[in-house]
Amino acid sequence: MPEGYAPSDPAAMASAQNAKKYVKIPDKYKDPATTDLRFEAKGGAETFPIELK
């Protein structure tokens, strides 16, 4: 939300509160060529805890 924005309806107010929780993800994760995260998906149920550094 732009600084100084004052929403008047409840839905917009909730959105403004959520915007305060935004965490910038480092740029290296937006391109497969620059990220150090790797995961090979196989068939069946799997879990993989991704740790962002």
PDB file of N, CA and C in Angstrom:
ATOM      1  N   MET A   1       0.839  -1.177   0.000  1.00  0.00           N
ATOM      2  CA  MET A   1       0.000   0.000   0.000  1.00  0.00           C
ATOM      3  C   MET A   1       0.892   1.251   0.000  1.00  0.00           C
ATOM      4  N   PRO A   2       0.519   2.231  -0.744  1.00  0.00           N
ATOM      5  CA  PRO A   2       1.311   3.463  -0.736  1.00  0.00           C
ATOM      6  C   PRO A   2       1.307   4.112   0.641  1.00  0.00           C
ATOM      7  N   GLU A   3       2.421   4.701   1.008  1.00  0.00           N
ATOM      8  CA  GLU A   3       2.510   5.380   2.295  1.00  0.00           C
ATOM      9  C   GLU A   3       1.481   6.502   2.354  1.00  0.00           C
ATOM     10  N   GLY A   4       0.784   6.608   3.469  1.00  0.00           N
ATOM     11  CA  GLY A   4      -0.227   7.628   3.638  1.00  0.00           C
ATOM     12  C   GLY A   4      -1.603   7.217   3.165  1.00  0.00           C
ATOM     13  N   TYR A   5      -1.722   6.022   2.563  1.00  0.00           N
ATOM     14  CA  TYR A   5      -3.012   5.538   2.071  1.00  0.00           C
ATOM     15  C   TYR A   5      -3.894   5.178   3.249  1.00  0.00           C
ATOM     16  N   ALA A   6      -5.126   5.658   3.256  1.00  0.00           N
ATOM     17  CA  ALA A   6      -6.068   5.372   4.334  1.00  0.00           C
ATOM     18  C   ALA A   6      -7.319   4.741   3.740  1.00  0.00           C
ATOM     19  N   PRO A   7      -7.416   3.399   3.729  1.00  0.00           N
ATOM     20  CA  PRO A   7      -8.598   2.740   3.165  1.00  0.00           C
ATOM     21  C   PRO A   7      -9.834   3.005   4.012  1.00  0.00           C
ATOM     22  N   SER A   8     -10.993   3.068   3.348  1.00  0.00           N
ATOM     23  CA  SER A   8     -12.230   3.369   4.073  1.00  0.00           C
ATOM     24  C   SER A   8     -13.123   2.156   4.260  1.00  0.00           C
ATOM     25  N   ASP A   9     -12.923   1.082   3.476  1.00  0.00           N
ATOM     26  CA  ASP A   9     -13.783  -0.085   3.645  1.00  0.00           C
ATOM     27  C   ASP A   9     -13.010  -1.205   4.359  1.00  0.00           C
ATOM     28  N   PRO A  10     -13.701  -2.115   5.080  1.00  0.00           N
ATOM     29  CA  PRO A  10     -13.041  -3.164   5.866  1.00  0.00           C
ATOM     30  C   PRO A  10     -12.124  -4.073   5.043  1.00  0.00           C
ATOM     31  N   ALA A  11     -12.513  -4.424   3.827  1.00  0.00           N
ATOM     32  CA  ALA A  11     -11.676  -5.300   3.009  1.00  0.00           C
ATOM     33  C   ALA A  11     -10.353  -4.617   2.680  1.00  0.00           C
ATOM     34  N   ALA A  12     -10.401  -3.350   2.354  1.00  0.00           N
ATOM     35  CA  ALA A  12      -9.179  -2.605   2.046  1.00  0.00           C
ATOM     36  C   ALA A  12      -8.326  -2.441   3.291  1.00  0.00           C
ATOM     37  N   MET A  13      -8.967  -2.292   4.454  1.00  0.00           N
ATOM     38  CA  MET A  13      -8.217  -2.159   5.703  1.00  0.00           C
ATOM     39  C   MET A  13      -7.474  -3.455   6.006  1.00  0.00           C
ATOM     40  N   ALA A  14      -8.108  -4.603   5.774  1.00  0.00           N
ATOM     41  CA  ALA A  14      -7.452  -5.896   5.988  1.00  0.00           C
ATOM     42  C   ALA A  14      -6.272  -6.030   5.040  1.00  0.00           C
ATOM     43  N   SER A  15      -6.455  -5.591   3.800  1.00  0.00           N
ATOM     44  CA  SER A  15      -5.376  -5.649   2.825  1.00  0.00           C
ATOM     45  C   SER A  15      -4.205  -4.769   3.265  1.00  0.00           C
ATOM     46  N   ALA A  16      -4.493  -3.613   3.819  1.00  0.00           N
ATOM     47  CA  ALA A  16      -3.449  -2.708   4.300  1.00  0.00           C
ATOM     48  C   ALA A  16      -2.683  -3.355   5.452  1.00  0.00           C
ATOM     49  N   GLN A  17      -3.380  -4.071   6.335  1.00  0.00           N
ATOM     50  CA  GLN A  17      -2.717  -4.758   7.443  1.00  0.00           C
ATOM     51  C   GLN A  17      -1.811  -5.861   6.912  1.00  0.00           C
ATOM     52  N   ASN A  18      -2.279  -6.607   5.911  1.00  0.00           N
ATOM     53  CA  ASN A  18      -1.472  -7.669   5.328  1.00  0.00           C
ATOM     54  C   ASN A  18      -0.247  -7.110   4.615  1.00  0.00           C
ATOM     55  N   ALA A  19      -0.381  -5.946   4.022  1.00  0.00           N
ATOM     56  CA  ALA A  19       0.752  -5.330   3.327  1.00  0.00           C
ATOM     57  C   ALA A  19       1.882  -5.035   4.307  1.00  0.00           C
ATOM     58  N   LYS A  20       1.573  -4.770   5.557  1.00  0.00           N
ATOM     59  CA  LYS A  20       2.590  -4.504   6.569  1.00  0.00           C
ATOM     60  C   LYS A  20       3.394  -5.757   6.891  1.00  0.00           C
ATOM     61  N   LYS A  21       2.878  -6.941   6.550  1.00  0.00           N
ATOM     62  CA  LYS A  21       3.550  -8.199   6.837  1.00  0.00           C
ATOM     63  C   LYS A  21       4.441  -8.649   5.685  1.00  0.00           C
ATOM     64  N   TYR A  22       4.510  -7.878   4.609  1.00  0.00           N
ATOM     65  CA  TYR A  22       5.279  -8.240   3.428  1.00  0.00           C
ATOM     66  C   TYR A  22       6.754  -8.406   3.782  1.00  0.00           C
ATOM     67  N   VAL A  23       7.346  -9.463   3.283  1.00  0.00           N
ATOM     68  CA  VAL A  23       8.773  -9.711   3.451  1.00  0.00           C
ATOM     69  C   VAL A  23       9.377  -9.816   2.056  1.00  0.00           C
ATOM     70  N   LYS A  24      10.339  -8.975   1.758  1.00  0.00           N
ATOM     71  CA  LYS A  24      10.966  -9.002   0.433  1.00  0.00           C
ATOM     72  C   LYS A  24      11.784 -10.272   0.291  1.00  0.00           C
ATOM     73  N   ILE A  25      11.557 -10.966  -0.808  1.00  0.00           N
ATOM     74  CA  ILE A  25      12.312 -12.176  -1.115  1.00  0.00           C
ATOM     75  C   ILE A  25      13.538 -11.753  -1.919  1.00  0.00           C
ATOM     76  N   PRO A  26      14.714 -12.227  -1.517  1.00  0.00           N
ATOM     77  CA  PRO A  26      15.939 -11.824  -2.228  1.00  0.00           C
ATOM     78  C   PRO A  26      15.855 -12.101  -3.731  1.00  0.00           C
ATOM     79  N   ASP A  27      16.414 -11.186  -4.519  1.00  0.00           N
ATOM     80  CA  ASP A  27      16.353 -11.266  -5.979  1.00  0.00           C
ATOM     81  C   ASP A  27      16.922 -12.569  -6.540  1.00  0.00           C
ATOM     82  N   LYS A  28      17.897 -13.152  -5.846  1.00  0.00           N
ATOM     83  CA  LYS A  28      18.518 -14.362  -6.399  1.00  0.00           C
ATOM     84  C   LYS A  28      17.530 -15.517  -6.544  1.00  0.00           C
ATOM     85  N   TYR A  29      16.405 -15.481  -5.812  1.00  0.00           N
ATOM     86  CA  TYR A  29      15.435 -16.567  -5.875  1.00  0.00           C
ATOM     87  C   TYR A  29      14.433 -16.437  -7.024  1.00  0.00           C
ATOM     88  N   LYS A  30      14.434 -15.319  -7.741  1.00  0.00           N
ATOM     89  CA  LYS A  30      13.445 -15.154  -8.804  1.00  0.00           C
ATOM     90  C   LYS A  30      13.893 -15.705 -10.146  1.00  0.00           C
ATOM     91  N   ASP A  31      15.143 -16.127 -10.236  1.00  0.00           N
ATOM     92  CA  ASP A  31      15.667 -16.653 -11.504  1.00  0.00           C
ATOM     93  C   ASP A  31      16.325 -18.013 -11.246  1.00  0.00           C
ATOM     94  N   PRO A  32      15.888 -19.063 -11.943  1.00  0.00           N
ATOM     95  CA  PRO A  32      16.493 -20.384 -11.742  1.00  0.00           C
ATOM     96  C   PRO A  32      18.008 -20.405 -11.943  1.00  0.00           C
ATOM     97  N   ALA A  33      18.529 -19.489 -12.738  1.00  0.00           N
ATOM     98  CA  ALA A  33      19.971 -19.451 -12.992  1.00  0.00           C
ATOM     99  C   ALA A  33      20.759 -18.872 -11.817  1.00  0.00           C
ATOM    100  N   THR A  34      20.110 -18.101 -10.941  1.00  0.00           N
ATOM    101  CA  THR A  34      20.843 -17.450  -9.845  1.00  0.00           C
ATOM    102  C   THR A  34      20.528 -18.015  -8.465  1.00  0.00           C
ATOM    103  N   THR A  35      19.514 -18.843  -8.354  1.00  0.00           N
ATOM    104  CA  THR A  35      19.167 -19.388  -7.044  1.00  0.00           C
ATOM    105  C   THR A  35      20.051 -20.577  -6.692  1.00  0.00           C
ATOM    106  N   ASP A  36      20.270 -20.780  -5.389  1.00  0.00           N
ATOM    107  CA  ASP A  36      21.013 -21.952  -4.946  1.00  0.00           C
ATOM    108  C   ASP A  36      20.061 -23.046  -4.454  1.00  0.00           C
ATOM    109  N   LEU A  37      18.757 -22.828  -4.603  1.00  0.00           N
ATOM    110  CA  LEU A  37      17.774 -23.835  -4.207  1.00  0.00           C
ATOM    111  C   LEU A  37      17.634 -24.866  -5.317  1.00  0.00           C
ATOM    112  N   ARG A  38      17.637 -26.132  -4.953  1.00  0.00           N
ATOM    113  CA  ARG A  38      17.459 -27.206  -5.918  1.00  0.00           C
ATOM    114  C   ARG A  38      16.527 -28.245  -5.331  1.00  0.00           C
ATOM    115  N   PHE A  39      15.641 -28.773  -6.148  1.00  0.00           N
ATOM    116  CA  PHE A  39      14.728 -29.823  -5.715  1.00  0.00           C
ATOM    117  C   PHE A  39      14.303 -30.623  -6.918  1.00  0.00           C
ATOM    118  N   GLU A  40      14.386 -31.930  -6.813  1.00  0.00           N
ATOM    119  CA  GLU A  40      13.942 -32.809  -7.878  1.00  0.00           C
ATOM    120  C   GLU A  40      12.611 -33.413  -7.467  1.00  0.00           C
ATOM    121  N   ALA A  41      11.563 -33.135  -8.222  1.00  0.00           N
ATOM    122  CA  ALA A  41      10.229 -33.664  -7.913  1.00  0.00           C
ATOM    123  C   ALA A  41      10.105 -35.067  -8.488  1.00  0.00           C
ATOM    124  N   LYS A  42       9.660 -35.979  -7.649  1.00  0.00           N
ATOM    125  CA  LYS A  42       9.444 -37.365  -8.059  1.00  0.00           C
ATOM    126  C   LYS A  42       7.981 -37.689  -7.820  1.00  0.00           C
ATOM    127  N   GLY A  43       7.515 -38.826  -8.292  1.00  0.00           N
ATOM    128  CA  GLY A  43       6.129 -39.219  -8.073  1.00  0.00           C
ATOM    129  C   GLY A  43       5.860 -39.545  -6.611  1.00  0.00           C
ATOM    130  N   GLY A  44       4.613 -39.415  -6.192  1.00  0.00           N
ATOM    131  CA  GLY A  44       4.223 -39.742  -4.823  1.00  0.00           C
ATOM    132  C   GLY A  44       4.297 -38.550  -3.891  1.00  0.00           C
ATOM    133  N   ALA A  45       3.986 -38.800  -2.630  1.00  0.00           N
ATOM    134  CA  ALA A  45       3.986 -37.740  -1.617  1.00  0.00           C
ATOM    135  C   ALA A  45       5.416 -37.420  -1.192  1.00  0.00           C
ATOM    136  N   GLU A  46       5.745 -36.147  -1.145  1.00  0.00           N
ATOM    137  CA  GLU A  46       7.067 -35.695  -0.725  1.00  0.00           C
ATOM    138  C   GLU A  46       6.933 -34.398   0.052  1.00  0.00           C
ATOM    139  N   THR A  47       7.884 -34.137   0.916  1.00  0.00           N
ATOM    140  CA  THR A  47       7.973 -32.839   1.584  1.00  0.00           C
ATOM    141  C   THR A  47       9.406 -32.348   1.439  1.00  0.00           C
ATOM    142  N   PHE A  48       9.557 -31.059   1.380  1.00  0.00           N
ATOM    143  CA  PHE A  48      10.884 -30.458   1.263  1.00  0.00           C
ATOM    144  C   PHE A  48      10.873 -29.113   1.970  1.00  0.00           C
ATOM    145  N   PRO A  49      11.502 -29.015   3.148  1.00  0.00           N
ATOM    146  CA  PRO A  49      11.545 -27.730   3.852  1.00  0.00           C
ATOM    147  C   PRO A  49      12.535 -26.786   3.156  1.00  0.00           C
ATOM    148  N   ILE A  50      12.044 -25.683   2.653  1.00  0.00           N
ATOM    149  CA  ILE A  50      12.899 -24.719   1.949  1.00  0.00           C
ATOM    150  C   ILE A  50      13.352 -23.659   2.947  1.00  0.00           C
ATOM    151  N   GLU A  51      14.648 -23.549   3.115  1.00  0.00           N
ATOM    152  CA  GLU A  51      15.207 -22.540   4.008  1.00  0.00           C
ATOM    153  C   GLU A  51      15.751 -21.386   3.180  1.00  0.00           C
ATOM    154  N   LEU A  52      15.147 -20.208   3.298  1.00  0.00           N
ATOM    155  CA  LEU A  52      15.608 -19.020   2.595  1.00  0.00           C
ATOM    156  C   LEU A  52      16.681 -18.361   3.439  1.00  0.00           C
ATOM    157  N   LYS A  53      17.807 -18.053   2.845  1.00  0.00           N
ATOM    158  CA  LYS A  53      18.942 -17.459   3.591  1.00  0.00           C
ATOM    159  C   LYS A  53      19.095 -16.009   3.252  1.00  0.00           C
TER     160      LYS A  53
END
